[in-house]
Amino acid sequence: MKVNDHHEILREKFGQGAKEYDQQRKHIIPCLDDLYHILADLTRTNIQQPRILDLGAGTGLLTSYIYDRHPQGHFTLLDISEEMLNIARDRFKNSHDFTYVVADYTHHEFRESFDLIVSSLSIHHLKNQDKQILYQKIYDLLNPGGVFLNADQVLGPTPATEEEYQRNWMQKLDVGSLSEFDKNIILDRMQLDKPATLNENLTWLKNIGFIDVDIYYKYYNFCILHGKK
């Protein structure tokens, strides 16, 4: 499959059911509140009006947690799905200093730098080579002292651990109250997952030059990665 074909499939799958996306997240990510609350807490900065970029922002759900902590921030939300960003626009319609970009973040050329770059449940859709290229791009876009935070899925380091990750996830997966349409969308999206191991992600960040690289939260296959420029 060509890269453009894969990205077009992502655009299509995440455009479907955009209005139900937030509710679906709560059903299929057992630790969603922890992921988002902890990531938002880690965005602490002495900068009064930080420039914040959310990659794969979707409906703006993660940004809403961060906005509560940085109401004076300048936010840029980028997503491949215009349907998703339309919901984000409505969510923040009474807020200022919001920019929305419909684009593929692996190819989009930014004309500014940022103090904080965040992402959630998005980068694991990329092939490993593209993850590394994106991490380098993120590093280059950060201001000195800037921080990158990624709440995402990881692959188990061995087949046995991956099996346990999946067993736990399927056991926790709550789709009983969802419609068949929603269930099919969720299962289709899961087929697009291409996670790397935690160690691979940490190694890539360190090799690029990020400092204070750490894993601040982990629940089976879900974690929060941190790196500072």
Protein backbone atom coordinates (compact mmCIF):
# COMPACT_ATOMS: atom_id res chain seq x y z
CA MET A 1 0.00 0.00 0.00
CA LYS A 2 1.35 3.43 -0.95
CA VAL A 3 1.80 6.04 1.77
CA ASN A 4 -0.80 8.32 0.20
CA ASP A 5 -3.27 5.43 0.04
CA HIS A 6 -2.78 4.72 3.74
CA HIS A 7 -3.30 8.37 4.65
CA GLU A 8 -6.42 8.53 2.50
CA ILE A 9 -7.82 5.51 4.35
CA LEU A 10 -7.06 7.24 7.66
CA ARG A 11 -8.86 10.36 6.47
CA GLU A 12 -11.89 8.32 5.45
CA LYS A 13 -12.07 6.15 8.58
CA PHE A 14 -11.67 9.03 11.02
CA GLY A 15 -14.11 11.21 9.11
CA GLN A 16 -16.78 8.56 9.56
CA GLY A 17 -18.68 8.91 12.80
CA ALA A 18 -16.86 12.11 13.74
CA LYS A 19 -19.81 13.31 15.81
CA GLU A 20 -19.67 10.16 17.94
CA TYR A 21 -15.87 10.10 18.24
CA ASP A 22 -15.56 11.50 21.78
CA GLN A 23 -18.11 9.09 23.16
CA GLN A 24 -16.47 6.17 21.33
CA ARG A 25 -13.09 7.06 22.88
CA LYS A 26 -14.54 6.66 26.37
CA HIS A 27 -15.80 3.19 25.47
CA ILE A 28 -12.63 1.81 23.90
CA ILE A 29 -9.78 3.46 25.85
CA PRO A 30 -10.01 2.13 29.43
CA CYS A 31 -7.65 4.78 30.84
CA LEU A 32 -8.73 7.78 28.75
CA ASP A 33 -9.24 10.21 31.64
CA ASP A 34 -5.87 9.30 33.17
CA LEU A 35 -4.11 9.73 29.83
CA TYR A 36 -5.56 13.17 29.17
CA HIS A 37 -5.47 14.53 32.72
CA ILE A 38 -1.86 13.48 33.26
CA LEU A 39 -0.71 14.75 29.87
CA ALA A 40 -2.41 18.10 30.54
CA ASP A 41 -0.71 18.27 33.94
CA LEU A 42 2.66 17.72 32.26
CA THR A 43 2.17 20.83 30.09
CA ARG A 44 3.25 23.06 33.01
CA THR A 45 5.34 25.97 31.74
CA ASN A 46 6.48 29.40 32.91
CA ILE A 47 5.52 30.87 29.55
CA GLN A 48 2.40 32.99 30.04
CA GLN A 49 1.02 32.52 26.52
CA PRO A 50 2.56 29.30 25.21
CA ARG A 51 2.24 28.33 21.59
CA ILE A 52 0.72 24.85 21.58
CA LEU A 53 0.40 22.46 18.63
CA ASP A 54 -1.90 19.43 18.78
CA LEU A 55 -1.00 16.90 16.07
CA GLY A 56 -3.88 14.66 15.04
CA ALA A 57 -6.12 16.87 17.16
CA GLY A 58 -9.36 15.29 15.97
CA THR A 59 -12.35 16.82 17.74
CA GLY A 60 -10.13 18.81 20.10
CA LEU A 61 -10.77 16.53 23.07
CA LEU A 62 -7.15 16.53 24.30
CA THR A 63 -6.84 20.25 23.65
CA SER A 64 -9.87 20.87 25.86
CA TYR A 65 -7.96 19.43 28.83
CA ILE A 66 -4.91 21.56 28.03
CA TYR A 67 -6.96 24.69 27.40
CA ASP A 68 -8.29 24.50 30.96
CA ARG A 69 -4.68 24.94 32.13
CA HIS A 70 -3.57 27.45 29.50
CA PRO A 71 -6.58 29.64 28.62
CA GLN A 72 -4.17 32.36 27.42
CA GLY A 73 -2.32 29.98 25.10
CA HIS A 74 -2.14 30.14 21.32
CA PHE A 75 -3.45 26.83 19.97
CA THR A 76 -2.94 25.21 16.57
CA LEU A 77 -5.02 22.10 15.92
CA LEU A 78 -4.04 19.96 12.94
CA ASP A 79 -5.88 16.91 11.69
CA ILE A 80 -6.27 15.00 8.46
CA SER A 81 -10.07 14.98 8.82
CA GLU A 82 -12.01 18.18 8.22
CA GLU A 83 -15.09 16.56 9.77
CA MET A 84 -13.18 16.09 13.02
CA LEU A 85 -11.84 19.64 13.04
CA ASN A 86 -15.31 21.06 12.39
CA ILE A 87 -16.34 19.60 15.75
CA ALA A 88 -13.25 21.18 17.35
CA ARG A 89 -14.18 24.53 15.82
CA ASP A 90 -17.60 24.29 17.39
CA ARG A 91 -16.13 23.19 20.73
CA PHE A 92 -13.91 26.28 20.92
CA LYS A 93 -16.15 28.72 19.05
CA ASN A 94 -16.11 31.17 21.98
CA SER A 95 -12.35 30.95 22.47
CA HIS A 96 -9.65 33.12 20.93
CA ASP A 97 -6.24 32.31 19.51
CA PHE A 98 -7.22 29.05 17.83
CA THR A 99 -5.93 28.04 14.40
CA TYR A 100 -7.20 24.98 12.53
CA VAL A 101 -5.22 23.17 9.84
CA VAL A 102 -6.63 20.35 7.71
CA ALA A 103 -3.52 18.48 6.61
CA ASP A 104 -1.36 15.39 6.87
CA TYR A 105 1.13 16.26 9.62
CA THR A 106 3.85 14.13 8.04
CA HIS A 107 3.94 16.49 5.04
CA HIS A 108 2.60 19.83 6.28
CA GLU A 109 5.17 22.64 6.31
CA PHE A 110 4.85 24.79 9.42
CA ARG A 111 5.92 28.45 9.39
CA GLU A 112 6.21 28.89 13.15
CA SER A 113 7.69 27.21 16.20
CA PHE A 114 6.00 26.01 19.38
CA ASP A 115 6.55 25.77 23.11
CA LEU A 116 4.48 22.62 23.51
CA ILE A 117 3.66 19.94 20.95
CA VAL A 118 1.18 17.26 21.93
CA SER A 119 -0.49 14.29 20.30
CA SER A 120 -2.85 11.56 21.40
CA LEU A 121 -3.74 8.20 19.93
CA SER A 122 -2.57 9.19 16.48
CA ILE A 123 1.14 8.63 15.78
CA HIS A 124 0.82 4.86 16.22
CA HIS A 125 -0.93 4.80 12.83
CA LEU A 126 2.35 5.62 11.09
CA LYS A 127 4.95 3.15 9.89
CA ASN A 128 8.04 3.11 12.12
CA GLN A 129 10.17 5.00 9.62
CA ASP A 130 7.53 7.72 9.40
CA LYS A 131 7.31 7.91 13.20
CA GLN A 132 11.04 8.67 13.34
CA ILE A 133 10.76 11.30 10.63
CA LEU A 134 7.86 12.92 12.48
CA TYR A 135 9.75 12.92 15.80
CA GLN A 136 12.62 14.76 14.10
CA LYS A 137 10.15 17.23 12.63
CA ILE A 138 8.63 17.80 16.07
CA TYR A 139 12.09 18.40 17.57
CA ASP A 140 12.86 20.96 14.88
CA LEU A 141 9.54 22.76 15.47
CA LEU A 142 10.03 23.14 19.23
CA ASN A 143 11.49 26.27 20.75
CA PRO A 144 14.53 25.70 23.04
CA GLY A 145 13.20 24.19 26.25
CA GLY A 146 10.01 23.15 24.50
CA VAL A 147 8.29 19.89 25.39
CA PHE A 148 6.76 17.08 23.34
CA LEU A 149 4.08 14.87 24.94
CA ASN A 150 2.51 11.89 23.22
CA ALA A 151 -0.31 9.81 24.71
CA ASP A 152 -0.37 6.74 22.52
CA GLN A 153 -0.38 2.98 22.09
CA VAL A 154 2.73 0.82 22.13
CA LEU A 155 3.48 -2.73 21.04
CA GLY A 156 4.46 -5.34 23.60
CA PRO A 157 8.22 -6.05 23.62
CA THR A 158 7.57 -9.79 23.20
CA PRO A 159 4.71 -11.84 21.71
CA ALA A 160 3.68 -12.88 25.23
CA THR A 161 3.44 -9.32 26.52
CA GLU A 162 1.58 -8.18 23.42
CA GLU A 163 -0.87 -11.03 23.93
CA GLU A 164 -1.43 -9.84 27.51
CA TYR A 165 -1.90 -6.25 26.33
CA GLN A 166 -4.54 -7.36 23.86
CA ARG A 167 -6.23 -9.70 26.34
CA ASN A 168 -6.60 -6.89 28.86
CA TRP A 169 -7.80 -4.43 26.22
CA MET A 170 -10.43 -6.77 24.82
CA GLN A 171 -11.59 -7.58 28.35
CA LYS A 172 -11.99 -3.87 29.14
CA LEU A 173 -13.44 -2.95 25.77
CA ASP A 174 -16.94 -1.69 26.43
CA VAL A 175 -18.94 -1.68 23.23
CA GLY A 176 -22.15 -3.13 24.59
CA SER A 177 -24.05 0.16 24.42
CA LEU A 178 -22.76 1.17 21.00
CA SER A 179 -24.65 0.72 17.74
CA GLU A 180 -23.49 -1.79 15.16
CA PHE A 181 -22.43 1.15 12.99
CA ASP A 182 -20.21 2.53 15.76
CA LYS A 183 -18.77 -0.92 16.53
CA ASN A 184 -17.82 -1.45 12.89
CA ILE A 185 -16.13 1.96 12.71
CA ILE A 186 -14.11 1.21 15.85
CA LEU A 187 -13.01 -2.22 14.62
CA ASP A 188 -12.07 -0.78 11.21
CA ARG A 189 -9.95 1.91 12.84
CA MET A 190 -8.18 -0.66 15.01
CA GLN A 191 -7.04 -2.45 11.85
CA LEU A 192 -5.01 0.66 10.99
CA ASP A 193 -2.89 0.46 14.17
CA LYS A 194 0.89 0.15 13.61
CA PRO A 195 2.37 0.66 17.11
CA ALA A 196 6.06 0.38 17.90
CA THR A 197 7.43 -0.88 21.21
CA LEU A 198 7.97 1.50 24.09
CA ASN A 199 11.73 1.00 23.92
CA GLU A 200 11.80 1.80 20.21
CA ASN A 201 9.92 5.07 20.80
CA LEU A 202 12.17 6.10 23.67
CA THR A 203 15.32 5.24 21.69
CA TRP A 204 14.19 7.29 18.69
CA LEU A 205 13.48 10.33 20.85
CA LYS A 206 16.87 10.11 22.57
CA ASN A 207 18.76 9.59 19.31
CA ILE A 208 17.12 12.68 17.81
CA GLY A 209 18.36 14.78 20.72
CA PHE A 210 15.42 15.04 23.11
CA ILE A 211 16.44 15.23 26.77
CA ASP A 212 14.59 14.18 29.92
CA VAL A 213 13.02 11.42 27.83
CA ASP A 214 10.71 9.40 30.01
CA ILE A 215 7.49 7.45 30.26
CA TYR A 216 5.29 9.30 32.75
CA TYR A 217 2.33 6.95 32.62
CA LYS A 218 1.71 3.44 31.37
CA TYR A 219 -1.32 1.19 31.46
CA TYR A 220 -0.61 -1.99 29.48
CA ASN A 221 -0.39 -0.74 25.86
CA PHE A 222 -1.27 2.90 26.59
CA CYS A 223 1.36 5.38 27.74
CA ILE A 224 2.54 8.99 27.82
CA LEU A 225 5.93 9.73 26.26
CA HIS A 226 7.84 12.88 27.20
CA GLY A 227 10.80 14.62 25.60
CA LYS A 228 12.31 18.09 25.98
CA LYS A 229 14.38 20.10 23.53
